[in-house]
Amino acid sequence: MDDVAGELVRRANRTIELFSDISKIDFGFNRQSVEWIEGYIERMRERADFNDGTWNGLIDTLGSFVGQCILARAGGSWALADDDRGWGILLPSDTFAFPINKVAKQFRSGLAEGESILGFYDLCVDRLAQRRP
């Protein structure tokens, strides 16, 4: 496994360690956990110190987690896109999805502006992963 892909997986696993106790759900690589993280992002957006520049590491970590949730359900792998879009998940349908970017968009704009990581997860596993290349 590439060093970057390995780090993304480690971050995703760390997310489980961080949130298992406080989420009070069966927190793991599943849809219910993505839904919980979506609510967590919205709660963080409401904090007074939200835009203080300390969120980048959290965005990467949560994006890695959402990516692993998609991979657990749909298959595929972490891969570097050839067109400067960075790291994403390459689904079995040869479609790229970029969960870290989507988490960043939800942090930036929120659910009120239509940025839902749960909707992104559903799209990836229910439609994008099923497309024929």
Protein backbone atom coordinates (compact mmCIF):
# COMPACT_ATOMS: atom_id res chain seq x y z
CA MET A 1 0.00 0.00 0.00
CA ASP A 2 1.28 3.45 -0.89
CA ASP A 3 2.49 5.52 2.10
CA VAL A 4 -0.23 8.14 1.55
CA ALA A 5 -2.99 5.55 1.19
CA GLY A 6 -1.71 3.84 4.34
CA GLU A 7 -1.85 7.13 6.21
CA LEU A 8 -5.44 7.70 5.05
CA VAL A 9 -6.41 4.27 6.40
CA ARG A 10 -4.63 4.99 9.71
CA ARG A 11 -6.52 8.29 10.05
CA ALA A 12 -9.81 6.52 9.38
CA ASN A 13 -9.05 3.92 12.05
CA ARG A 14 -8.08 6.69 14.46
CA THR A 15 -11.49 8.28 13.90
CA ILE A 16 -13.11 5.10 15.21
CA GLU A 17 -10.92 5.27 18.31
CA LEU A 18 -11.80 8.94 18.85
CA PHE A 19 -15.56 8.74 18.39
CA SER A 20 -16.62 5.24 19.45
CA ASP A 21 -17.30 6.20 23.06
CA ILE A 22 -18.76 9.67 22.56
CA SER A 23 -21.04 8.79 19.64
CA LYS A 24 -23.05 6.25 21.64
CA ILE A 25 -23.66 4.22 18.45
CA ASP A 26 -21.99 1.21 16.85
CA PHE A 27 -19.34 3.52 15.40
CA GLY A 28 -17.41 1.99 12.53
CA PHE A 29 -17.18 1.95 8.77
CA ASN A 30 -20.94 2.17 8.21
CA ARG A 31 -23.68 4.56 7.11
CA GLN A 32 -24.86 5.28 10.67
CA SER A 33 -21.40 6.58 11.55
CA VAL A 34 -21.29 8.82 8.46
CA GLU A 35 -24.62 10.24 9.58
CA TRP A 36 -23.22 10.87 13.07
CA ILE A 37 -20.11 12.58 11.60
CA GLU A 38 -22.36 14.79 9.46
CA GLY A 39 -24.08 16.02 12.63
CA TYR A 40 -20.72 16.43 14.35
CA ILE A 41 -19.49 18.68 11.53
CA GLU A 42 -22.60 20.81 11.84
CA ARG A 43 -22.06 21.12 15.61
CA MET A 44 -18.42 22.14 15.03
CA ARG A 45 -19.51 24.75 12.48
CA GLU A 46 -21.57 26.42 15.23
CA ARG A 47 -18.54 26.93 17.47
CA ALA A 48 -17.22 30.47 17.89
CA ASP A 49 -13.67 29.38 16.94
CA PHE A 50 -14.80 27.50 13.84
CA ASN A 51 -12.74 29.48 11.29
CA ASP A 52 -9.52 29.66 13.26
CA GLY A 53 -7.52 27.54 10.78
CA THR A 54 -7.18 24.50 13.03
CA TRP A 55 -9.70 22.38 11.17
CA ASN A 56 -7.54 21.13 8.29
CA GLY A 57 -6.28 18.08 10.17
CA LEU A 58 -9.81 17.25 11.25
CA ILE A 59 -11.07 17.61 7.69
CA ASP A 60 -8.40 15.18 6.44
CA THR A 61 -9.15 12.71 9.23
CA LEU A 62 -12.92 12.79 8.82
CA GLY A 63 -12.60 12.67 5.03
CA SER A 64 -10.41 9.59 5.34
CA PHE A 65 -13.04 8.02 7.57
CA VAL A 66 -15.88 8.76 5.12
CA GLY A 67 -13.74 7.30 2.34
CA GLN A 68 -13.16 4.09 4.29
CA CYS A 69 -16.90 3.84 4.98
CA ILE A 70 -17.57 4.05 1.24
CA LEU A 71 -14.85 1.51 0.49
CA ALA A 72 -16.21 -0.89 3.12
CA ARG A 73 -19.60 -0.88 1.42
CA ALA A 74 -18.74 -0.43 -2.27
CA GLY A 75 -15.20 -1.74 -2.68
CA GLY A 76 -12.39 0.06 -4.48
CA SER A 77 -9.21 1.64 -3.19
CA TRP A 78 -7.50 4.91 -2.36
CA ALA A 79 -5.75 6.30 -5.41
CA LEU A 80 -4.13 9.47 -6.69
CA ALA A 81 -6.14 11.02 -9.52
CA ASP A 82 -4.17 11.77 -12.67
CA ASP A 83 -5.71 15.19 -13.17
CA ASP A 84 -4.44 17.13 -10.12
CA ARG A 85 -7.58 16.48 -8.05
CA GLY A 86 -5.47 14.73 -5.43
CA TRP A 87 -6.27 11.61 -3.44
CA GLY A 88 -9.66 10.02 -3.69
CA ILE A 89 -11.29 6.66 -3.79
CA LEU A 90 -11.36 4.77 -7.04
CA LEU A 91 -14.60 2.80 -7.07
CA PRO A 92 -15.03 -0.54 -8.88
CA SER A 93 -16.82 1.33 -11.68
CA ASP A 94 -13.58 3.29 -12.40
CA THR A 95 -15.26 6.40 -10.98
CA PHE A 96 -13.33 8.64 -8.61
CA ALA A 97 -14.91 10.15 -5.52
CA PHE A 98 -13.21 12.66 -3.23
CA PRO A 99 -14.46 12.33 0.36
CA ILE A 100 -11.86 14.68 1.87
CA ASN A 101 -13.00 17.41 -0.51
CA LYS A 102 -16.63 16.72 0.36
CA VAL A 103 -15.95 16.97 4.10
CA ALA A 104 -14.17 20.28 3.48
CA LYS A 105 -17.20 21.54 1.53
CA GLN A 106 -19.55 20.63 4.37
CA PHE A 107 -17.28 22.37 6.88
CA ARG A 108 -17.17 25.43 4.63
CA SER A 109 -20.82 25.66 3.56
CA GLY A 110 -22.86 23.31 5.74
CA LEU A 111 -26.05 21.38 5.24
CA ALA A 112 -28.03 24.57 4.68
CA GLU A 113 -26.07 25.08 1.46
CA GLY A 114 -26.57 21.48 0.34
CA GLU A 115 -23.23 20.01 1.38
CA SER A 116 -24.08 16.63 2.93
CA ILE A 117 -21.49 13.93 3.46
CA LEU A 118 -24.31 11.45 4.08
CA GLY A 119 -25.82 12.29 0.69
CA PHE A 120 -22.35 11.91 -0.83
CA TYR A 121 -21.92 8.50 0.84
CA ASP A 122 -25.31 7.34 -0.46
CA LEU A 123 -24.52 8.57 -3.97
CA CYS A 124 -21.19 6.76 -3.99
CA VAL A 125 -22.41 3.40 -2.72
CA ASP A 126 -25.83 3.34 -4.37
CA ARG A 127 -25.06 4.83 -7.77
CA LEU A 128 -21.44 5.68 -8.60
CA ALA A 129 -20.02 2.33 -7.52
CA GLN A 130 -22.64 0.54 -9.63
CA ARG A 131 -21.96 2.36 -12.91
CA ARG A 132 -20.39 0.38 -15.68
CA PRO A 133 -17.02 1.73 -16.85
